[in-house]
Amino acid sequence: MVRLTIDGKEVQARQGEKVLWAALDNGIYIPHLCAIRGAEEPHAGCRLCFVEIEGRDGLVTACTEPAVGGMVVHTSTERVKRIVATVFELLLASHPVDCAHCLRSGGCELQRLARFLGIKLKSRRFRQLVREFPIDDSHPAILLDPNKCILCHRCIWTCRQRGIGALGYINRGFERRIGTFGDMPLAEVGCEGCEACAQVCPVGALAAKR
């Protein structure tokens, strides 16, 4: 075990444990949408868990930074809050805000994070970039809407952990989206309908129909 300080609070963590989990386990919330406990290699795709560490010039992602004895971490400096707010608003610029018709409304991590950051989901500091990918409604248990996907990688990792591997990324750049091998319907790629992907999805890209 090592001792480090997060936001003025001295905490204990296992040597090498990521700063994000050390903070969360000690009641200190750090915004995040892609991190999932147990993943061997953090995806670090959402870029929302930036923190400031004394002695470092730049910010680091808490989900990839290992805890070290004597480390002093700040999660809510003005620089951190400014960068995280900007990243979140850029995320909103390509996310359809249609909460009233979303199966995940009320349980959406994007909604909870917006409240935490004090940002309205329909605020538009950046130009809206509309994506119109086809919705996959082929499976009796799971709805796949790639337009809502934030590319967090959680569903891909979870599906692989279950030995299925039905999900993956398609295309690159702005056209990148979640999908299946060969872009086949979800009902035709061996998806067992376990709903594990929907349970870890932070938004409504994958949702259980029940």
C-alpha atoms as a PDB file:
ATOM      1  CA  MET A   1       0.000   0.000   0.000  1.00  0.00           C
ATOM      2  CA  VAL A   2       1.088   3.582  -0.671  1.00  0.00           C
ATOM      3  CA  ARG A   3      -0.118   6.907   0.652  1.00  0.00           C
ATOM      4  CA  LEU A   4      -0.969   9.815  -1.610  1.00  0.00           C
ATOM      5  CA  THR A   5      -2.905  13.044  -1.288  1.00  0.00           C
ATOM      6  CA  ILE A   6      -5.970  13.796  -3.430  1.00  0.00           C
ATOM      7  CA  ASP A   7      -7.616  17.198  -3.058  1.00  0.00           C
ATOM      8  CA  GLY A   8      -5.982  17.661   0.330  1.00  0.00           C
ATOM      9  CA  LYS A   9      -7.122  14.280   1.634  1.00  0.00           C
ATOM     10  CA  GLU A  10      -4.522  11.626   2.438  1.00  0.00           C
ATOM     11  CA  VAL A  11      -5.628   8.276   1.068  1.00  0.00           C
ATOM     12  CA  GLN A  12      -4.239   4.768   0.723  1.00  0.00           C
ATOM     13  CA  ALA A  13      -4.050   2.779  -2.488  1.00  0.00           C
ATOM     14  CA  ARG A  14      -2.366  -0.304  -3.785  1.00  0.00           C
ATOM     15  CA  GLN A  15       0.976   0.365  -5.429  1.00  0.00           C
ATOM     16  CA  GLY A  16       0.327   0.830  -9.151  1.00  0.00           C
ATOM     17  CA  GLU A  17      -3.452   1.181  -8.807  1.00  0.00           C
ATOM     18  CA  LYS A  18      -4.809   3.878 -11.087  1.00  0.00           C
ATOM     19  CA  VAL A  19      -5.424   7.267  -9.526  1.00  0.00           C
ATOM     20  CA  LEU A  20      -9.058   7.206 -10.703  1.00  0.00           C
ATOM     21  CA  TRP A  21      -9.930   4.137  -8.634  1.00  0.00           C
ATOM     22  CA  ALA A  22      -7.910   5.361  -5.660  1.00  0.00           C
ATOM     23  CA  ALA A  23      -9.982   8.543  -5.688  1.00  0.00           C
ATOM     24  CA  LEU A  24     -13.353   6.850  -6.186  1.00  0.00           C
ATOM     25  CA  ASP A  25     -12.644   4.289  -3.467  1.00  0.00           C
ATOM     26  CA  ASN A  26     -12.050   7.163  -1.065  1.00  0.00           C
ATOM     27  CA  GLY A  27     -15.168   9.138  -1.898  1.00  0.00           C
ATOM     28  CA  ILE A  28     -13.537  11.603  -4.311  1.00  0.00           C
ATOM     29  CA  TYR A  29     -15.381  11.771  -7.630  1.00  0.00           C
ATOM     30  CA  ILE A  30     -13.453  12.289 -10.865  1.00  0.00           C
ATOM     31  CA  PRO A  31     -15.556  12.649 -14.049  1.00  0.00           C
ATOM     32  CA  HIS A  32     -15.212   9.681 -16.416  1.00  0.00           C
ATOM     33  CA  LEU A  33     -17.241   7.867 -19.041  1.00  0.00           C
ATOM     34  CA  CYS A  34     -14.981   5.199 -20.519  1.00  0.00           C
ATOM     35  CA  ALA A  35     -13.092   3.720 -17.566  1.00  0.00           C
ATOM     36  CA  ILE A  36     -14.159   0.291 -16.405  1.00  0.00           C
ATOM     37  CA  ARG A  37     -12.675  -1.430 -13.380  1.00  0.00           C
ATOM     38  CA  GLY A  38     -10.719  -4.538 -14.206  1.00  0.00           C
ATOM     39  CA  ALA A  39      -9.670  -3.572 -17.728  1.00  0.00           C
ATOM     40  CA  GLU A  40      -5.986  -4.443 -18.170  1.00  0.00           C
ATOM     41  CA  GLU A  41      -5.309  -1.558 -20.559  1.00  0.00           C
ATOM     42  CA  PRO A  42      -7.423   1.558 -19.893  1.00  0.00           C
ATOM     43  CA  HIS A  43      -8.995   2.925 -23.068  1.00  0.00           C
ATOM     44  CA  ALA A  44      -8.708   6.578 -21.972  1.00  0.00           C
ATOM     45  CA  GLY A  45     -11.018   7.565 -24.799  1.00  0.00           C
ATOM     46  CA  CYS A  46     -13.343  10.102 -23.180  1.00  0.00           C
ATOM     47  CA  ARG A  47     -10.517  12.333 -21.851  1.00  0.00           C
ATOM     48  CA  LEU A  48     -12.736  13.533 -19.007  1.00  0.00           C
ATOM     49  CA  CYS A  49     -10.696  12.275 -16.059  1.00  0.00           C
ATOM     50  CA  PHE A  50      -7.890  14.804 -16.360  1.00  0.00           C
ATOM     51  CA  VAL A  51      -6.176  15.682 -13.082  1.00  0.00           C
ATOM     52  CA  GLU A  52      -3.231  17.833 -12.092  1.00  0.00           C
ATOM     53  CA  ILE A  53      -0.274  16.265 -10.278  1.00  0.00           C
ATOM     54  CA  GLU A  54       2.200  18.447  -8.452  1.00  0.00           C
ATOM     55  CA  GLY A  55       5.583  18.378 -10.165  1.00  0.00           C
ATOM     56  CA  ARG A  56       4.094  17.688 -13.606  1.00  0.00           C
ATOM     57  CA  ASP A  57       3.776  20.338 -16.314  1.00  0.00           C
ATOM     58  CA  GLY A  58       0.721  18.956 -18.085  1.00  0.00           C
ATOM     59  CA  LEU A  59      -2.489  17.261 -17.043  1.00  0.00           C
ATOM     60  CA  VAL A  60      -2.761  13.470 -16.972  1.00  0.00           C
ATOM     61  CA  THR A  61      -5.695  11.068 -17.259  1.00  0.00           C
ATOM     62  CA  ALA A  62      -6.484   9.548 -13.874  1.00  0.00           C
ATOM     63  CA  CYS A  63      -7.554   6.233 -15.430  1.00  0.00           C
ATOM     64  CA  THR A  64      -4.050   5.609 -16.808  1.00  0.00           C
ATOM     65  CA  GLU A  65      -1.879   7.203 -14.106  1.00  0.00           C
ATOM     66  CA  PRO A  66      -0.604   4.741 -11.458  1.00  0.00           C
ATOM     67  CA  ALA A  67      -0.683   5.797  -7.817  1.00  0.00           C
ATOM     68  CA  VAL A  68       2.754   6.454  -6.332  1.00  0.00           C
ATOM     69  CA  GLY A  69       3.640   7.107  -2.700  1.00  0.00           C
ATOM     70  CA  GLY A  70       3.830  10.827  -1.902  1.00  0.00           C
ATOM     71  CA  MET A  71       1.898  11.858  -5.016  1.00  0.00           C
ATOM     72  CA  VAL A  72      -0.201  15.017  -4.658  1.00  0.00           C
ATOM     73  CA  VAL A  73      -3.235  15.103  -6.953  1.00  0.00           C
ATOM     74  CA  HIS A  74      -5.682  17.935  -7.663  1.00  0.00           C
ATOM     75  CA  THR A  75      -8.948  17.098  -9.386  1.00  0.00           C
ATOM     76  CA  SER A  76     -10.698  20.467  -9.514  1.00  0.00           C
ATOM     77  CA  THR A  77      -8.208  23.241 -10.226  1.00  0.00           C
ATOM     78  CA  GLU A  78      -9.343  25.963 -12.610  1.00  0.00           C
ATOM     79  CA  ARG A  79      -7.220  24.471 -15.377  1.00  0.00           C
ATOM     80  CA  VAL A  80      -8.692  21.008 -14.872  1.00  0.00           C
ATOM     81  CA  LYS A  81     -12.265  22.302 -14.769  1.00  0.00           C
ATOM     82  CA  ARG A  82     -11.744  24.385 -17.909  1.00  0.00           C
ATOM     83  CA  ILE A  83     -10.280  21.505 -19.931  1.00  0.00           C
ATOM     84  CA  VAL A  84     -12.849  18.947 -18.730  1.00  0.00           C
ATOM     85  CA  ALA A  85     -15.755  21.300 -19.506  1.00  0.00           C
ATOM     86  CA  THR A  86     -14.399  21.880 -23.014  1.00  0.00           C
ATOM     87  CA  VAL A  87     -13.961  18.144 -23.646  1.00  0.00           C
ATOM     88  CA  PHE A  88     -17.493  17.468 -22.410  1.00  0.00           C
ATOM     89  CA  GLU A  89     -19.007  20.160 -24.639  1.00  0.00           C
ATOM     90  CA  LEU A  90     -17.110  18.792 -27.636  1.00  0.00           C
ATOM     91  CA  LEU A  91     -18.611  15.407 -26.835  1.00  0.00           C
ATOM     92  CA  LEU A  92     -22.080  16.940 -26.790  1.00  0.00           C
ATOM     93  CA  ALA A  93     -21.468  18.498 -30.210  1.00  0.00           C
ATOM     94  CA  SER A  94     -21.762  15.060 -31.843  1.00  0.00           C
ATOM     95  CA  HIS A  95     -24.299  13.500 -29.497  1.00  0.00           C
ATOM     96  CA  PRO A  96     -28.052  13.699 -30.206  1.00  0.00           C
ATOM     97  CA  VAL A  97     -29.767  15.187 -27.163  1.00  0.00           C
ATOM     98  CA  ASP A  98     -33.164  13.530 -27.402  1.00  0.00           C
ATOM     99  CA  CYS A  99     -33.446  12.361 -23.821  1.00  0.00           C
ATOM    100  CA  ALA A 100     -37.240  12.173 -23.781  1.00  0.00           C
ATOM    101  CA  HIS A 101     -37.232   9.365 -26.367  1.00  0.00           C
ATOM    102  CA  CYS A 102     -34.101   7.539 -25.178  1.00  0.00           C
ATOM    103  CA  LEU A 103     -34.362   4.166 -23.436  1.00  0.00           C
ATOM    104  CA  ARG A 104     -31.575   5.210 -21.050  1.00  0.00           C
ATOM    105  CA  SER A 105     -33.117   8.512 -19.965  1.00  0.00           C
ATOM    106  CA  GLY A 106     -32.849   8.849 -16.206  1.00  0.00           C
ATOM    107  CA  GLY A 107     -30.041   6.293 -16.041  1.00  0.00           C
ATOM    108  CA  CYS A 108     -27.713   7.985 -18.510  1.00  0.00           C
ATOM    109  CA  GLU A 109     -24.216   8.783 -17.266  1.00  0.00           C
ATOM    110  CA  LEU A 110     -24.028  11.694 -19.691  1.00  0.00           C
ATOM    111  CA  GLN A 111     -26.994  13.292 -17.921  1.00  0.00           C
ATOM    112  CA  ARG A 112     -25.455  12.738 -14.486  1.00  0.00           C
ATOM    113  CA  LEU A 113     -22.112  14.125 -15.584  1.00  0.00           C
ATOM    114  CA  ALA A 114     -23.767  17.212 -17.083  1.00  0.00           C
ATOM    115  CA  ARG A 115     -25.368  17.931 -13.721  1.00  0.00           C
ATOM    116  CA  PHE A 116     -22.046  17.428 -11.932  1.00  0.00           C
ATOM    117  CA  LEU A 117     -20.255  19.830 -14.286  1.00  0.00           C
ATOM    118  CA  GLY A 118     -23.104  22.330 -14.300  1.00  0.00           C
ATOM    119  CA  ILE A 119     -23.469  22.155 -18.075  1.00  0.00           C
ATOM    120  CA  LYS A 120     -26.826  21.987 -19.839  1.00  0.00           C
ATOM    121  CA  LEU A 121     -27.059  19.133 -22.315  1.00  0.00           C
ATOM    122  CA  LYS A 122     -28.549  21.419 -24.932  1.00  0.00           C
ATOM    123  CA  SER A 123     -25.938  24.127 -24.514  1.00  0.00           C
ATOM    124  CA  ARG A 124     -24.162  24.626 -27.803  1.00  0.00           C
ATOM    125  CA  ARG A 125     -20.770  26.327 -27.542  1.00  0.00           C
ATOM    126  CA  PHE A 126     -19.647  24.275 -30.527  1.00  0.00           C
ATOM    127  CA  ARG A 127     -21.419  23.637 -33.812  1.00  0.00           C
ATOM    128  CA  GLN A 128     -23.595  20.525 -33.796  1.00  0.00           C
ATOM    129  CA  LEU A 129     -22.262  17.743 -36.028  1.00  0.00           C
ATOM    130  CA  VAL A 130     -25.157  15.478 -36.923  1.00  0.00           C
ATOM    131  CA  ARG A 131     -24.507  11.790 -37.516  1.00  0.00           C
ATOM    132  CA  GLU A 132     -27.107   9.650 -39.288  1.00  0.00           C
ATOM    133  CA  PHE A 133     -25.991   6.058 -38.928  1.00  0.00           C
ATOM    134  CA  PRO A 134     -28.627   3.332 -39.331  1.00  0.00           C
ATOM    135  CA  ILE A 135     -30.113   1.998 -36.095  1.00  0.00           C
ATOM    136  CA  ASP A 136     -29.862  -1.781 -35.627  1.00  0.00           C
ATOM    137  CA  ASP A 137     -33.162  -3.079 -34.262  1.00  0.00           C
ATOM    138  CA  SER A 138     -32.632  -6.656 -35.453  1.00  0.00           C
ATOM    139  CA  HIS A 139     -31.970  -8.286 -32.083  1.00  0.00           C
ATOM    140  CA  PRO A 140     -34.936  -9.171 -29.836  1.00  0.00           C
ATOM    141  CA  ALA A 141     -33.106  -8.091 -26.657  1.00  0.00           C
ATOM    142  CA  ILE A 142     -30.680  -5.299 -27.626  1.00  0.00           C
ATOM    143  CA  LEU A 143     -31.121  -2.029 -29.514  1.00  0.00           C
ATOM    144  CA  LEU A 144     -27.962  -0.631 -31.137  1.00  0.00           C
ATOM    145  CA  ASP A 145     -28.002   3.086 -31.965  1.00  0.00           C
ATOM    146  CA  PRO A 146     -24.485   4.106 -33.096  1.00  0.00           C
ATOM    147  CA  ASN A 147     -25.537   7.757 -33.332  1.00  0.00           C
ATOM    148  CA  LYS A 148     -25.482   7.956 -29.541  1.00  0.00           C
ATOM    149  CA  CYS A 149     -22.173   6.111 -29.145  1.00  0.00           C
ATOM    150  CA  ILE A 150     -19.347   8.069 -27.490  1.00  0.00           C
ATOM    151  CA  LEU A 151     -16.716   5.428 -28.424  1.00  0.00           C
ATOM    152  CA  CYS A 152     -15.986   4.574 -24.793  1.00  0.00           C
ATOM    153  CA  HIS A 153     -14.974   0.956 -25.602  1.00  0.00           C
ATOM    154  CA  ARG A 154     -16.815  -0.455 -22.574  1.00  0.00           C
ATOM    155  CA  CYS A 155     -19.157  -2.689 -24.587  1.00  0.00           C
ATOM    156  CA  ILE A 156     -16.333  -4.062 -26.748  1.00  0.00           C
ATOM    157  CA  TRP A 157     -14.266  -4.978 -23.695  1.00  0.00           C
ATOM    158  CA  THR A 158     -17.243  -6.517 -21.882  1.00  0.00           C
ATOM    159  CA  CYS A 159     -18.342  -8.563 -24.889  1.00  0.00           C
ATOM    160  CA  ARG A 160     -14.811  -9.914 -25.332  1.00  0.00           C
ATOM    161  CA  GLN A 161     -14.579 -10.763 -21.631  1.00  0.00           C
ATOM    162  CA  ARG A 162     -17.639 -12.972 -22.065  1.00  0.00           C
ATOM    163  CA  GLY A 163     -15.921 -14.761 -24.948  1.00  0.00           C
ATOM    164  CA  ILE A 164     -18.333 -13.518 -27.610  1.00  0.00           C
ATOM    165  CA  GLY A 165     -16.656 -10.557 -29.308  1.00  0.00           C
ATOM    166  CA  ALA A 166     -19.715  -9.519 -31.312  1.00  0.00           C
ATOM    167  CA  LEU A 167     -18.930  -5.789 -31.165  1.00  0.00           C
ATOM    168  CA  GLY A 168     -16.142  -3.644 -32.576  1.00  0.00           C
ATOM    169  CA  TYR A 169     -15.370  -0.364 -34.291  1.00  0.00           C
ATOM    170  CA  ILE A 170     -16.219   0.440 -37.901  1.00  0.00           C
ATOM    171  CA  ASN A 171     -14.594   3.176 -40.020  1.00  0.00           C
ATOM    172  CA  ARG A 172     -12.259   5.944 -38.850  1.00  0.00           C
ATOM    173  CA  GLY A 173     -12.366   9.610 -37.935  1.00  0.00           C
ATOM    174  CA  PHE A 174     -15.777  11.245 -37.595  1.00  0.00           C
ATOM    175  CA  GLU A 175     -17.397   8.230 -39.309  1.00  0.00           C
ATOM    176  CA  ARG A 176     -16.102   5.856 -36.651  1.00  0.00           C
ATOM    177  CA  ARG A 177     -18.889   4.004 -34.891  1.00  0.00           C
ATOM    178  CA  ILE A 178     -19.732   0.916 -32.918  1.00  0.00           C
ATOM    179  CA  GLY A 179     -20.904  -2.046 -34.939  1.00  0.00           C
ATOM    180  CA  THR A 180     -20.372  -5.711 -35.769  1.00  0.00           C
ATOM    181  CA  PHE A 181     -17.926  -7.662 -37.920  1.00  0.00           C
ATOM    182  CA  GLY A 182     -18.796  -7.058 -41.545  1.00  0.00           C
ATOM    183  CA  ASP A 183     -21.412  -4.537 -40.397  1.00  0.00           C
ATOM    184  CA  MET A 184     -23.909  -7.361 -40.125  1.00  0.00           C
ATOM    185  CA  PRO A 185     -27.112  -7.127 -38.074  1.00  0.00           C
ATOM    186  CA  LEU A 186     -26.548  -7.758 -34.381  1.00  0.00           C
ATOM    187  CA  ALA A 187     -28.929 -10.708 -34.491  1.00  0.00           C
ATOM    188  CA  GLU A 188     -26.663 -12.505 -36.993  1.00  0.00           C
ATOM    189  CA  VAL A 189     -23.249 -12.298 -35.297  1.00  0.00           C
ATOM    190  CA  GLY A 190     -23.644 -14.599 -32.316  1.00  0.00           C
ATOM    191  CA  CYS A 191     -24.962 -12.035 -29.821  1.00  0.00           C
ATOM    192  CA  GLU A 192     -26.514 -14.016 -26.960  1.00  0.00           C
ATOM    193  CA  GLY A 193     -28.660 -11.145 -25.698  1.00  0.00           C
ATOM    194  CA  CYS A 194     -27.046 -11.218 -22.250  1.00  0.00           C
ATOM    195  CA  GLU A 195     -27.441  -7.434 -22.033  1.00  0.00           C
ATOM    196  CA  ALA A 196     -24.002  -7.026 -20.459  1.00  0.00           C
ATOM    197  CA  CYS A 197     -23.094  -4.456 -23.136  1.00  0.00           C
ATOM    198  CA  ALA A 198     -26.221  -2.440 -22.379  1.00  0.00           C
ATOM    199  CA  GLN A 199     -25.451  -2.530 -18.665  1.00  0.00           C
ATOM    200  CA  VAL A 200     -22.004  -0.950 -19.121  1.00  0.00           C
ATOM    201  CA  CYS A 201     -22.973   1.496 -21.874  1.00  0.00           C
ATOM    202  CA  PRO A 202     -22.903   4.979 -20.311  1.00  0.00           C
ATOM    203  CA  VAL A 203     -25.431   6.389 -22.780  1.00  0.00           C
ATOM    204  CA  GLY A 204     -28.206   4.930 -24.978  1.00  0.00           C
ATOM    205  CA  ALA A 205     -26.082   3.495 -27.783  1.00  0.00           C
ATOM    206  CA  LEU A 206     -26.810   0.002 -26.497  1.00  0.00           C
ATOM    207  CA  ALA A 207     -30.016  -0.475 -24.568  1.00  0.00           C
ATOM    208  CA  ALA A 208     -31.987  -3.460 -23.323  1.00  0.00           C
ATOM    209  CA  LYS A 209     -35.426  -3.569 -24.905  1.00  0.00           C
ATOM    210  CA  ARG A 210     -37.051  -5.047 -21.827  1.00  0.00           C
END
